[in-house]
Amino acid sequence: MEYGEDGTPVYVNELTALNQELRNLCADLLLQKGESPEEEAEILVTLFKGYDTMLFNFSSENEQVIQELLDRSMTVLEKLPASVLKCQLLLECFEQTGDEELITSLGTVLDVMSIM
């Protein structure tokens, strides 16, 4: 048994149902592509957060989805101007890969933003 934000108990069957609902929402959102780099980045950040939140998220299918998200992210990062959204996407990608170059890129974006 777990406890919800309001302190009331959340039972395993409820938790499983919530997890399945999140999985379905992410699957639907995964099919969406942004009409602009900013919209695509918002979708990707949301998907990374959704997949990170899911319980029992360790499957080869999810690994493929995360790789697809990373590939889409690398494409959109090249098109995004320096912004908080770009920083969020860089951090999500770093969390998945541990690639230090992403942190270096983040530092560069923050430097550019501080000049603005």
Protein backbone atom coordinates (compact mmCIF):
# COMPACT_ATOMS: atom_id res chain seq x y z
CA MET A 1 0.00 0.00 0.00
CA GLU A 2 1.20 3.50 -0.87
CA TYR A 3 -0.13 6.89 0.11
CA GLY A 4 -1.38 9.55 -2.28
CA GLU A 5 -0.63 13.27 -2.20
CA ASP A 6 -3.56 13.86 0.14
CA GLY A 7 -2.39 11.16 2.57
CA THR A 8 -5.13 8.67 1.71
CA PRO A 9 -4.11 5.11 0.92
CA VAL A 10 -3.63 4.10 -2.70
CA TYR A 11 -3.96 0.37 -3.13
CA VAL A 12 -2.00 -1.75 -5.59
CA ASN A 13 -4.93 -2.18 -7.98
CA GLU A 14 -5.42 1.62 -8.09
CA LEU A 15 -1.70 2.14 -8.62
CA THR A 16 -1.72 -0.41 -11.43
CA ALA A 17 -4.70 1.31 -13.06
CA LEU A 18 -3.02 4.73 -12.81
CA ASN A 19 0.18 3.31 -14.27
CA GLN A 20 -1.77 1.78 -17.17
CA GLU A 21 -3.54 5.08 -17.80
CA LEU A 22 -0.18 6.86 -17.89
CA ARG A 23 1.17 4.21 -20.28
CA ASN A 24 -1.83 4.73 -22.60
CA LEU A 25 -1.50 8.52 -22.50
CA CYS A 26 2.21 8.28 -23.33
CA ALA A 27 1.51 5.85 -26.18
CA ASP A 28 -1.00 8.30 -27.66
CA LEU A 29 1.35 11.26 -27.24
CA LEU A 30 4.24 9.30 -28.77
CA LEU A 31 2.37 9.33 -32.08
CA GLN A 32 2.21 13.14 -32.06
CA LYS A 33 4.81 15.31 -33.76
CA GLY A 34 5.15 19.00 -33.02
CA GLU A 35 4.42 21.52 -35.75
CA SER A 36 7.36 23.64 -34.59
CA PRO A 37 10.65 22.83 -32.85
CA GLU A 38 9.25 24.29 -29.63
CA GLU A 39 6.09 22.19 -29.77
CA GLU A 40 8.11 19.06 -30.57
CA ALA A 41 10.42 19.78 -27.62
CA GLU A 42 7.42 20.19 -25.28
CA ILE A 43 6.06 16.83 -26.43
CA LEU A 44 9.45 15.18 -25.91
CA VAL A 45 9.98 16.63 -22.42
CA THR A 46 6.48 15.47 -21.45
CA LEU A 47 7.14 11.97 -22.82
CA PHE A 48 10.47 11.66 -21.00
CA LYS A 49 8.75 12.65 -17.75
CA GLY A 50 5.89 10.25 -18.41
CA TYR A 51 8.15 7.29 -19.10
CA ASP A 52 10.30 8.15 -16.07
CA THR A 53 7.19 8.16 -13.87
CA MET A 54 5.86 4.78 -14.97
CA LEU A 55 6.30 1.87 -12.62
CA PHE A 56 7.97 -1.29 -13.86
CA ASN A 57 9.30 0.58 -16.88
CA PHE A 58 12.16 -1.80 -17.65
CA SER A 59 11.39 -3.53 -20.93
CA SER A 60 13.02 -3.73 -24.33
CA GLU A 61 9.97 -1.96 -25.80
CA ASN A 62 10.45 0.99 -23.45
CA GLU A 63 14.17 1.07 -24.25
CA GLN A 64 13.26 1.37 -27.93
CA VAL A 65 10.83 4.18 -27.15
CA ILE A 66 13.46 6.05 -25.11
CA GLN A 67 15.92 5.66 -27.99
CA GLU A 68 13.31 7.06 -30.39
CA LEU A 69 12.77 10.00 -28.03
CA LEU A 70 16.52 10.59 -27.86
CA ASP A 71 16.80 10.52 -31.65
CA ARG A 72 13.92 12.97 -32.01
CA SER A 73 15.49 15.15 -29.32
CA MET A 74 18.85 15.37 -31.06
CA THR A 75 17.09 16.55 -34.22
CA VAL A 76 15.03 19.21 -32.46
CA LEU A 77 17.85 20.44 -30.19
CA GLU A 78 19.72 21.66 -33.26
CA LYS A 79 16.73 23.83 -34.20
CA LEU A 80 15.84 25.27 -30.80
CA PRO A 81 17.06 28.70 -29.75
CA ALA A 82 18.58 29.18 -26.31
CA SER A 83 15.64 28.85 -23.92
CA VAL A 84 14.42 27.22 -20.74
CA LEU A 85 12.71 24.60 -22.93
CA LYS A 86 16.02 23.72 -24.58
CA CYS A 87 17.59 23.38 -21.12
CA GLN A 88 14.78 21.07 -20.00
CA LEU A 89 15.21 18.85 -23.05
CA LEU A 90 18.99 18.73 -22.61
CA LEU A 91 18.53 17.68 -18.98
CA GLU A 92 16.02 14.97 -19.91
CA CYS A 93 18.44 13.60 -22.51
CA PHE A 94 21.31 13.71 -20.02
CA GLU A 95 19.22 11.83 -17.47
CA GLN A 96 18.69 9.04 -20.01
CA THR A 97 22.24 8.86 -21.37
CA GLY A 98 24.65 10.34 -18.83
CA ASP A 99 26.41 12.00 -21.80
CA GLU A 100 28.57 14.81 -20.38
CA GLU A 101 28.48 16.66 -23.72
CA LEU A 102 24.84 17.43 -23.03
CA ILE A 103 25.81 19.17 -19.79
CA THR A 104 28.43 21.15 -21.68
CA SER A 105 25.73 22.17 -24.18
CA LEU A 106 23.47 23.10 -21.29
CA GLY A 107 26.18 25.37 -19.89
CA THR A 108 26.54 27.04 -23.28
CA VAL A 109 22.79 27.62 -23.51
CA LEU A 110 22.73 29.09 -20.00
CA ASP A 111 25.64 31.39 -20.89
CA VAL A 112 23.78 32.63 -23.97
CA MET A 113 20.61 33.14 -21.93
CA SER A 114 22.47 35.18 -19.30
CA ILE A 115 23.68 37.56 -22.03
CA MET A 116 20.16 38.06 -23.39
